[in-house]
Amino acid sequence: VWLRSLNAFWTVLLTPLAFTGFIAIFFRRSGEVVQRQALCFIAIVFVVGGAMVGATTMEVRHYSAFYPAFVVLAAVPFAIGPPVTILLRSVTRTWLGGVLAVHFLWAILKVL
């Protein structure tokens, strides 16, 4: 089965947005301090929670508690607007290229 669930498709499409949001939160200097602090907290919760789940178990259902933070991170580039567009394009190309390369290599190994 190429696509095990809709969750995989959702994650592949949202990951570049969330990664761009993560970069924008920590490297953007403008904006309200309270808003930046809240977004930094959400980013840290997502990263630490994901690392804890990854260290203890690799079951996908355990990541669901951190999906709301993931979605908020994915929405950050849309809130910032045009200054992040170039970064978003670069991250998306790199991410999707990596996903396609891994799947292509996996298919070659399956055939061999």
Protein backbone atom coordinates (compact mmCIF):
# COMPACT_ATOMS: atom_id res chain seq x y z
CA VAL A 1 0.00 0.00 0.00
CA TRP A 2 1.54 3.29 -1.10
CA LEU A 3 -0.50 5.56 1.12
CA ARG A 4 -1.43 3.88 4.37
CA SER A 5 -3.75 6.62 5.54
CA LEU A 6 -4.94 10.12 4.93
CA ASN A 7 -2.77 11.12 7.87
CA ALA A 8 0.38 10.42 5.83
CA PHE A 9 -0.81 12.68 3.01
CA TRP A 10 -1.76 15.39 5.52
CA THR A 11 1.62 15.18 7.25
CA VAL A 12 3.63 15.31 4.01
CA LEU A 13 1.82 18.47 2.92
CA LEU A 14 1.85 20.25 6.28
CA THR A 15 5.44 19.52 7.34
CA PRO A 16 7.07 22.20 5.12
CA LEU A 17 4.56 24.75 6.42
CA ALA A 18 5.23 23.79 10.03
CA PHE A 19 9.01 23.83 9.51
CA THR A 20 8.80 27.27 7.88
CA GLY A 21 6.61 28.48 10.74
CA PHE A 22 9.15 27.14 13.23
CA ILE A 23 11.99 29.00 11.49
CA ALA A 24 9.91 32.18 11.22
CA ILE A 25 9.02 32.11 14.92
CA PHE A 26 12.57 31.85 16.17
CA PHE A 27 14.35 34.04 13.62
CA ARG A 28 11.82 36.81 13.06
CA ARG A 29 12.53 39.86 15.19
CA SER A 30 9.39 41.90 14.60
CA GLY A 31 5.95 41.34 16.04
CA GLU A 32 4.36 41.47 19.45
CA VAL A 33 6.36 39.93 22.26
CA VAL A 34 3.35 38.10 23.75
CA GLN A 35 2.48 36.57 20.39
CA ARG A 36 6.07 35.44 19.80
CA GLN A 37 6.28 33.95 23.30
CA ALA A 38 3.08 31.97 22.77
CA LEU A 39 4.25 30.68 19.39
CA CYS A 40 7.68 29.78 20.84
CA PHE A 41 5.93 27.82 23.57
CA ILE A 42 3.80 25.96 21.01
CA ALA A 43 6.90 25.17 18.91
CA ILE A 44 8.81 23.89 21.93
CA VAL A 45 5.84 21.76 23.07
CA PHE A 46 5.64 20.19 19.61
CA VAL A 47 9.37 19.46 19.36
CA VAL A 48 9.79 18.15 22.91
CA GLY A 49 6.56 16.13 22.74
CA GLY A 50 7.54 14.61 19.42
CA ALA A 51 10.99 13.75 20.77
CA MET A 52 9.46 12.11 23.85
CA VAL A 53 7.12 10.00 21.73
CA GLY A 54 9.97 9.11 19.38
CA ALA A 55 12.17 8.06 22.29
CA THR A 56 9.53 5.89 23.94
CA THR A 57 7.35 4.51 21.15
CA MET A 58 6.94 4.97 17.41
CA GLU A 59 3.19 4.44 17.28
CA VAL A 60 1.52 7.10 15.18
CA ARG A 61 -1.50 7.40 17.47
CA HIS A 62 0.72 8.83 20.23
CA TYR A 63 1.63 11.82 18.07
CA SER A 64 -2.02 12.90 17.84
CA ALA A 65 -1.78 14.86 21.09
CA PHE A 66 0.71 17.18 19.42
CA TYR A 67 -1.15 17.69 16.12
CA PRO A 68 -2.90 20.90 17.23
CA ALA A 69 0.53 22.48 17.84
CA PHE A 70 1.64 21.16 14.44
CA VAL A 71 -1.34 22.83 12.74
CA VAL A 72 -0.70 26.14 14.54
CA LEU A 73 2.94 26.04 13.39
CA ALA A 74 1.74 25.34 9.84
CA ALA A 75 -0.50 28.42 9.97
CA VAL A 76 2.28 30.81 11.00
CA PRO A 77 3.63 31.44 7.45
CA PHE A 78 0.14 32.54 6.35
CA ALA A 79 -0.07 34.96 9.27
CA ILE A 80 3.29 36.53 8.46
CA GLY A 81 2.59 36.84 4.74
CA PRO A 82 4.86 37.69 1.80
CA PRO A 83 8.25 37.98 3.58
CA VAL A 84 8.23 34.23 4.22
CA THR A 85 7.25 33.16 0.69
CA ILE A 86 10.80 32.54 -0.56
CA LEU A 87 11.69 30.54 2.55
CA LEU A 88 8.46 28.54 2.23
CA ARG A 89 9.19 27.68 -1.40
CA SER A 90 12.72 26.58 -0.55
CA VAL A 91 11.64 24.44 2.39
CA THR A 92 8.79 22.88 0.38
CA ARG A 93 11.05 21.98 -2.54
CA THR A 94 13.65 20.45 -0.23
CA TRP A 95 11.08 18.50 1.79
CA LEU A 96 9.13 17.14 -1.18
CA GLY A 97 12.36 16.32 -3.02
CA GLY A 98 13.53 14.36 0.01
CA VAL A 99 10.22 12.52 0.33
CA LEU A 100 10.25 11.62 -3.37
CA ALA A 101 13.89 10.50 -3.21
CA VAL A 102 13.25 8.24 -0.22
CA HIS A 103 10.19 6.70 -1.89
CA PHE A 104 12.08 6.22 -5.15
CA LEU A 105 14.98 4.51 -3.37
CA TRP A 106 12.52 2.37 -1.41
CA ALA A 107 10.85 1.29 -4.69
CA ILE A 108 14.24 0.39 -6.19
CA LEU A 109 15.13 -1.69 -3.12
CA LYS A 110 11.75 -3.45 -3.33
CA VAL A 111 12.42 -4.44 -6.95
CA LEU A 112 15.94 -5.71 -6.20
